[in-house]
Amino acid sequence: MVREPEAIAASPARRRRAAVLLAIASALVACRPRVPPPDLSRDAGELLAQVRAGQARVQRVSGEARVKVDAKGMRTAVTVRQFIAAEKPDRLHVEVLDFFGNVGAVLAAEGGRFQLFDAKERVFYRGAATPENLARLVPLPLPAEDLVTILCGSAPLLDAAEDVEVRGAALVLSLGADGRAQEVRVGEQATVERSSVVAVGPGTAPAYSLDFDGFRPLAAGRFPGELRIRAEDPRVRLDLRWGEVQVNGDLGGVRFTIDPPRGARVVELGDEEHEVPNLFREGVPEPAPGSSPAHGPGGAGSPSR
């Protein structure tokens, strides 16, 4: 015979004891200190080598991302949709897409050369892949190698390992070089979770911080689905969130050097000053009433991938 009512009537005391035990167990878990992964070295040089080995696991990425930017000289923050492909050490291909999937601008860089096609104005710019020219992609003057490293989910690293400090569940690696200092927060699988670079003295590269989040598991390691760049001089706030992203996939169909489309005006970037548009001058436009998005990127009159 089933005696459920009596069992229920006798259970409040047991439930109270169980609740007390659960509260004690939860408190013990909460009080247990969070510690870094045991496989991470506490030696600065060895930890730097582990981080570099982790970075080497990602050589190329491609996919669509939403990028929000608020930077010096912009009237307001804008959000753009981009197709991005990057391959180490210095290959970049970025397309700015409108709501319908048409290409508004294309930036490409490889081997120290840079091209930017402004599809709206039908102007094709080309020259050296200087940090200033590449600032059309990230409004911060960084070399192509650094931009590729960031897009591949990690931080450019200074050369000299100086110290390691335990902070919560991660290790903080202190680096230095050429009068500059960097703090790198290292988490599971030697993944960079945060980096802060401090510029010391005039003429050095800009100070900025990187935050990586939304990590996705890889066959060996983790890849961040989100990254944030912050800088004060020049002021930059950039948030990138990957949609579909392919890590270490085939980039055979992507061109890292593009030619001027027929009929485009060509501007050679050299010693003379030229007004070159950045990729964030406009946000994603609203669709016209009754319109439907195009099938994909690669609008008419733009360089193909």
Protein backbone atom coordinates (compact mmCIF):
# COMPACT_ATOMS: atom_id res chain seq x y z
CA MET A 1 0.00 0.00 0.00
CA VAL A 2 1.30 3.44 -0.90
CA ARG A 3 1.42 5.89 2.00
CA GLU A 4 2.34 9.12 0.25
CA PRO A 5 0.31 11.48 2.50
CA GLU A 6 2.05 10.25 5.67
CA ALA A 7 5.45 10.48 4.04
CA ILE A 8 4.73 14.04 3.02
CA ALA A 9 3.52 14.91 6.51
CA ALA A 10 6.74 13.59 8.06
CA SER A 11 9.05 15.36 5.61
CA PRO A 12 9.26 19.03 6.79
CA ALA A 13 11.94 18.29 9.40
CA ARG A 14 13.95 16.34 6.88
CA ARG A 15 13.56 19.16 4.36
CA ARG A 16 14.80 21.70 6.91
CA ARG A 17 17.86 19.58 7.69
CA ALA A 18 18.52 19.11 3.98
CA ALA A 19 18.22 22.85 3.40
CA VAL A 20 20.70 23.56 6.19
CA LEU A 21 23.17 21.01 4.82
CA LEU A 22 22.78 22.47 1.32
CA ALA A 23 23.41 25.99 2.62
CA ILE A 24 26.54 24.83 4.44
CA ALA A 25 27.82 23.03 1.34
CA SER A 26 27.14 26.09 -0.83
CA ALA A 27 28.97 28.33 1.64
CA LEU A 28 31.96 26.01 1.64
CA VAL A 29 32.06 26.02 -2.16
CA ALA A 30 31.76 29.82 -2.23
CA CYS A 31 34.54 30.20 0.32
CA ARG A 32 36.90 27.91 -1.53
CA PRO A 33 39.45 30.19 -3.21
CA ARG A 34 39.50 30.24 -6.99
CA VAL A 35 42.89 29.26 -8.28
CA PRO A 36 44.51 29.39 -11.73
CA PRO A 37 44.75 26.20 -13.80
CA PRO A 38 47.51 24.02 -12.33
CA ASP A 39 49.13 23.44 -15.73
CA LEU A 40 50.03 27.14 -16.12
CA SER A 41 53.62 27.91 -15.14
CA ARG A 42 54.34 30.41 -12.38
CA ASP A 43 57.64 31.27 -14.08
CA ALA A 44 57.29 34.37 -16.26
CA GLY A 45 59.41 33.10 -19.14
CA GLU A 46 57.75 29.69 -19.21
CA LEU A 47 54.26 31.21 -18.99
CA LEU A 48 55.06 33.53 -21.91
CA ALA A 49 56.14 30.47 -23.91
CA GLN A 50 52.85 28.73 -23.03
CA VAL A 51 50.85 31.76 -24.18
CA ARG A 52 52.78 31.97 -27.46
CA ALA A 53 52.20 28.25 -28.05
CA GLY A 54 48.49 28.79 -27.46
CA GLN A 55 48.45 31.69 -29.92
CA ALA A 56 50.11 29.52 -32.56
CA ARG A 57 47.12 27.16 -32.52
CA VAL A 58 45.07 29.79 -34.41
CA GLN A 59 46.61 30.78 -37.74
CA ARG A 60 43.59 32.15 -39.63
CA VAL A 61 39.96 33.13 -39.14
CA SER A 62 37.07 34.14 -41.37
CA GLY A 63 33.42 34.97 -40.91
CA GLU A 64 30.87 37.70 -40.36
CA ALA A 65 30.92 39.98 -37.35
CA ARG A 66 29.08 42.98 -35.99
CA VAL A 67 31.41 45.80 -35.05
CA LYS A 68 30.39 48.78 -32.93
CA VAL A 69 32.75 51.74 -32.88
CA ASP A 70 32.83 55.04 -31.03
CA ALA A 71 36.03 56.97 -31.66
CA LYS A 72 37.51 60.43 -31.72
CA GLY A 73 36.14 62.48 -34.60
CA MET A 74 32.90 60.48 -34.91
CA ARG A 75 29.62 62.24 -34.20
CA THR A 76 28.09 59.12 -32.69
CA ALA A 77 28.77 55.43 -32.24
CA VAL A 78 27.98 53.29 -35.28
CA THR A 79 27.51 49.59 -35.84
CA VAL A 80 28.53 47.89 -39.07
CA ARG A 81 28.36 44.34 -40.34
CA GLN A 82 31.62 43.03 -41.77
CA PHE A 83 33.01 40.00 -43.50
CA ILE A 84 36.48 39.52 -42.03
CA ALA A 85 39.32 37.23 -43.04
CA ALA A 86 42.72 37.34 -41.37
CA GLU A 87 45.76 35.11 -41.66
CA LYS A 88 49.06 35.36 -39.82
CA PRO A 89 51.35 37.12 -40.00
CA ASP A 90 49.86 40.14 -41.82
CA ARG A 91 47.07 39.22 -44.25
CA LEU A 92 43.76 41.09 -43.95
CA HIS A 93 40.56 41.25 -45.97
CA VAL A 94 37.59 43.21 -44.62
CA GLU A 95 34.31 43.99 -46.36
CA VAL A 96 31.78 46.42 -44.91
CA LEU A 97 28.28 45.16 -45.73
CA ASP A 98 25.02 47.07 -45.80
CA PHE A 99 21.66 45.67 -44.67
CA PHE A 100 21.17 43.98 -48.03
CA GLY A 101 24.58 42.30 -48.03
CA ASN A 102 26.06 44.67 -50.61
CA VAL A 103 29.70 45.68 -50.18
CA GLY A 104 30.19 49.34 -49.26
CA ALA A 105 33.95 49.19 -48.84
CA VAL A 106 36.77 46.66 -49.04
CA LEU A 107 40.10 46.81 -47.23
CA ALA A 108 42.94 44.41 -48.03
CA ALA A 109 46.52 44.13 -46.82
CA GLU A 110 49.36 41.70 -47.38
CA GLY A 111 53.14 41.85 -47.44
CA GLY A 112 53.31 45.49 -46.42
CA ARG A 113 50.83 46.71 -49.07
CA PHE A 114 47.38 48.18 -48.50
CA GLN A 115 44.31 48.72 -50.69
CA LEU A 116 40.94 50.27 -49.86
CA PHE A 117 38.04 50.50 -52.30
CA ASP A 118 35.28 52.96 -51.47
CA ALA A 119 32.36 51.52 -53.44
CA LYS A 120 30.10 54.47 -52.66
CA GLU A 121 32.47 57.05 -54.15
CA ARG A 122 34.11 54.64 -56.64
CA VAL A 123 37.60 55.52 -55.39
CA PHE A 124 40.42 52.98 -55.00
CA TYR A 125 43.25 53.82 -52.57
CA ARG A 126 46.52 51.92 -52.40
CA GLY A 127 49.85 52.34 -50.66
CA ALA A 128 51.93 51.00 -47.79
CA ALA A 129 50.21 49.06 -45.01
CA THR A 130 51.18 51.65 -42.41
CA PRO A 131 49.42 51.78 -39.03
CA GLU A 132 47.86 55.07 -40.10
CA ASN A 133 46.35 53.57 -43.27
CA LEU A 134 45.17 50.48 -41.40
CA ALA A 135 43.46 52.70 -38.83
CA ARG A 136 40.55 52.73 -41.31
CA LEU A 137 39.83 49.21 -39.99
CA VAL A 138 40.46 49.82 -36.29
CA PRO A 139 40.65 53.56 -35.49
CA LEU A 140 43.91 53.01 -33.63
CA PRO A 141 47.31 53.09 -35.40
CA LEU A 142 48.44 49.46 -35.10
CA PRO A 143 50.60 47.43 -37.50
CA ALA A 144 49.01 44.71 -39.62
CA GLU A 145 50.64 41.94 -37.59
CA ASP A 146 49.00 43.23 -34.39
CA LEU A 147 45.58 43.56 -36.03
CA VAL A 148 45.77 40.00 -37.35
CA THR A 149 46.79 38.68 -33.93
CA ILE A 150 43.82 40.46 -32.33
CA LEU A 151 41.36 39.14 -34.92
CA CYS A 152 42.80 35.65 -34.38
CA GLY A 153 41.65 35.90 -30.79
CA SER A 154 44.68 36.99 -28.80
CA ALA A 155 46.87 39.95 -27.90
CA PRO A 156 50.14 41.18 -29.38
CA LEU A 157 52.81 40.51 -26.75
CA LEU A 158 55.85 42.50 -25.70
CA ASP A 159 59.10 40.55 -25.71
CA ALA A 160 60.47 40.55 -22.16
CA ALA A 161 58.79 38.43 -19.47
CA GLU A 162 59.17 40.14 -16.08
CA ASP A 163 56.79 38.75 -13.46
CA VAL A 164 53.77 36.53 -12.75
CA GLU A 165 51.05 37.28 -10.20
CA VAL A 166 48.11 35.13 -9.11
CA ARG A 167 44.80 37.01 -9.35
CA GLY A 168 41.73 34.90 -8.72
CA ALA A 169 41.34 32.10 -11.24
CA ALA A 170 43.96 33.50 -13.60
CA LEU A 171 47.61 34.47 -13.76
CA VAL A 172 48.70 37.98 -14.67
CA LEU A 173 51.88 38.05 -16.73
CA SER A 174 53.88 41.29 -16.75
CA LEU A 175 55.83 42.05 -19.92
CA GLY A 176 58.02 44.93 -21.03
CA ALA A 177 60.02 46.26 -23.97
CA ASP A 178 61.30 49.60 -25.27
CA GLY A 179 59.99 51.61 -22.34
CA ARG A 180 56.54 50.04 -22.52
CA ALA A 181 54.73 47.77 -20.08
CA GLN A 182 51.99 45.19 -20.56
CA GLU A 183 49.82 43.14 -18.22
CA VAL A 184 48.28 39.96 -19.67
CA ARG A 185 45.59 38.00 -17.86
CA VAL A 186 46.07 34.32 -18.73
CA GLY A 187 43.28 31.79 -18.19
CA GLU A 188 42.55 28.18 -19.06
CA GLN A 189 44.66 26.57 -21.78
CA ALA A 190 47.04 29.56 -21.68
CA THR A 191 44.38 31.74 -23.34
CA VAL A 192 44.71 35.52 -23.14
CA GLU A 193 41.58 36.89 -21.47
CA ARG A 194 42.72 40.48 -21.05
CA SER A 195 45.67 42.62 -22.06
CA SER A 196 46.57 46.16 -21.10
CA VAL A 197 49.45 47.98 -22.83
CA VAL A 198 50.85 51.17 -21.37
CA ALA A 199 52.80 53.56 -23.59
CA VAL A 200 55.66 55.38 -21.87
CA GLY A 201 57.20 58.44 -23.47
CA PRO A 202 56.42 60.33 -26.68
CA GLY A 203 56.55 58.63 -30.04
CA THR A 204 55.70 55.16 -28.74
CA ALA A 205 52.76 53.05 -29.92
CA PRO A 206 49.38 53.92 -28.37
CA ALA A 207 48.25 52.61 -25.01
CA TYR A 208 45.18 50.38 -25.23
CA SER A 209 43.45 47.47 -23.56
CA LEU A 210 41.91 44.30 -24.97
CA ASP A 211 39.22 42.14 -23.42
CA PHE A 212 38.22 38.74 -24.80
CA ASP A 213 34.98 36.98 -23.86
CA GLY A 214 32.42 34.43 -25.03
CA PHE A 215 35.03 31.72 -25.47
CA ARG A 216 34.18 28.79 -27.73
CA PRO A 217 35.96 25.43 -27.48
CA LEU A 218 38.38 24.41 -30.20
CA ALA A 219 39.98 21.04 -30.84
CA ALA A 220 42.97 22.39 -28.91
CA GLY A 221 42.28 25.59 -27.02
CA ARG A 222 39.59 28.28 -26.88
CA PHE A 223 38.53 31.05 -29.26
CA PRO A 224 36.78 34.25 -28.10
CA GLY A 225 33.49 35.10 -29.77
CA GLU A 226 33.75 38.69 -28.56
CA LEU A 227 36.52 41.25 -28.21
CA ARG A 228 36.67 44.80 -26.92
CA ILE A 229 39.32 47.44 -27.59
CA ARG A 230 39.62 50.53 -25.40
CA ALA A 231 42.02 53.46 -25.74
CA GLU A 232 42.10 57.03 -24.45
CA ASP A 233 44.60 58.73 -26.79
CA PRO A 234 43.19 58.56 -29.36
CA ARG A 235 39.84 57.74 -27.77
CA VAL A 236 38.52 54.43 -29.14
CA ARG A 237 35.68 52.15 -28.06
CA LEU A 238 35.38 49.12 -30.34
CA ASP A 239 33.26 46.01 -29.70
CA LEU A 240 33.38 43.06 -32.10
CA ARG A 241 31.03 40.10 -31.88
CA TRP A 242 31.53 37.19 -34.25
CA GLY A 243 28.50 35.47 -35.78
CA GLU A 244 29.54 32.49 -37.83
CA VAL A 245 33.32 32.22 -37.61
CA GLN A 246 35.64 29.62 -39.08
CA VAL A 247 38.95 29.04 -37.31
CA ASN A 248 41.89 27.64 -39.29
CA GLY A 249 39.63 27.03 -42.28
CA ASP A 250 40.40 27.29 -45.98
CA LEU A 251 40.89 30.87 -47.20
CA GLY A 252 41.60 29.90 -50.79
CA GLY A 253 38.75 32.06 -52.10
CA VAL A 254 39.81 35.20 -50.22
CA ARG A 255 41.98 37.83 -51.92
CA PHE A 256 44.40 39.75 -49.72
CA THR A 257 45.48 41.93 -52.64
CA ILE A 258 42.72 43.55 -54.70
CA ASP A 259 42.78 45.40 -58.01
CA PRO A 260 40.87 48.58 -58.82
CA PRO A 261 37.47 47.87 -60.40
CA ARG A 262 36.90 49.21 -63.89
CA GLY A 263 36.00 52.88 -63.85
CA ALA A 264 37.23 53.53 -60.31
CA ARG A 265 39.45 56.53 -59.63
CA VAL A 266 42.84 55.37 -58.31
CA VAL A 267 44.63 57.31 -55.57
CA GLU A 268 48.23 56.44 -54.74
CA LEU A 269 48.94 56.94 -51.04
CA GLY A 270 52.45 58.27 -50.60
CA ASP A 271 54.01 61.41 -49.23
CA GLU A 272 51.06 63.62 -50.14
CA GLU A 273 48.13 64.02 -47.79
CA HIS A 274 44.91 62.36 -48.94
CA GLU A 275 41.57 62.19 -47.20
CA VAL A 276 40.95 58.45 -46.92
CA PRO A 277 37.55 57.31 -45.61
CA ASN A 278 37.34 55.02 -42.61
CA LEU A 279 35.12 51.96 -42.58
CA PHE A 280 32.80 53.34 -39.89
CA ARG A 281 31.57 56.58 -41.39
CA GLU A 282 28.08 55.12 -41.66
CA GLY A 283 26.15 52.60 -39.63
CA VAL A 284 23.99 49.84 -41.03
CA PRO A 285 21.28 51.57 -43.11
CA GLU A 286 17.63 50.77 -42.57
CA PRO A 287 15.92 48.82 -45.37
CA ALA A 288 13.55 50.64 -47.67
CA PRO A 289 9.86 49.80 -47.17
CA GLY A 290 8.92 46.62 -49.00
CA SER A 291 12.53 45.69 -49.77
CA SER A 292 14.21 42.41 -48.99
CA PRO A 293 17.86 41.69 -48.24
CA ALA A 294 20.15 40.48 -50.99
CA HIS A 295 21.39 36.90 -50.94
CA GLY A 296 24.88 37.72 -49.74
CA PRO A 297 27.91 39.97 -49.90
CA GLY A 298 29.67 40.95 -53.06
CA GLY A 299 27.52 43.69 -54.55
CA ALA A 300 27.90 44.88 -58.09
CA GLY A 301 31.00 46.83 -58.96
CA SER A 302 33.04 45.74 -55.94
CA PRO A 303 36.23 43.68 -55.92
CA SER A 304 35.55 39.98 -55.51
CA ARG A 305 36.93 37.92 -52.68
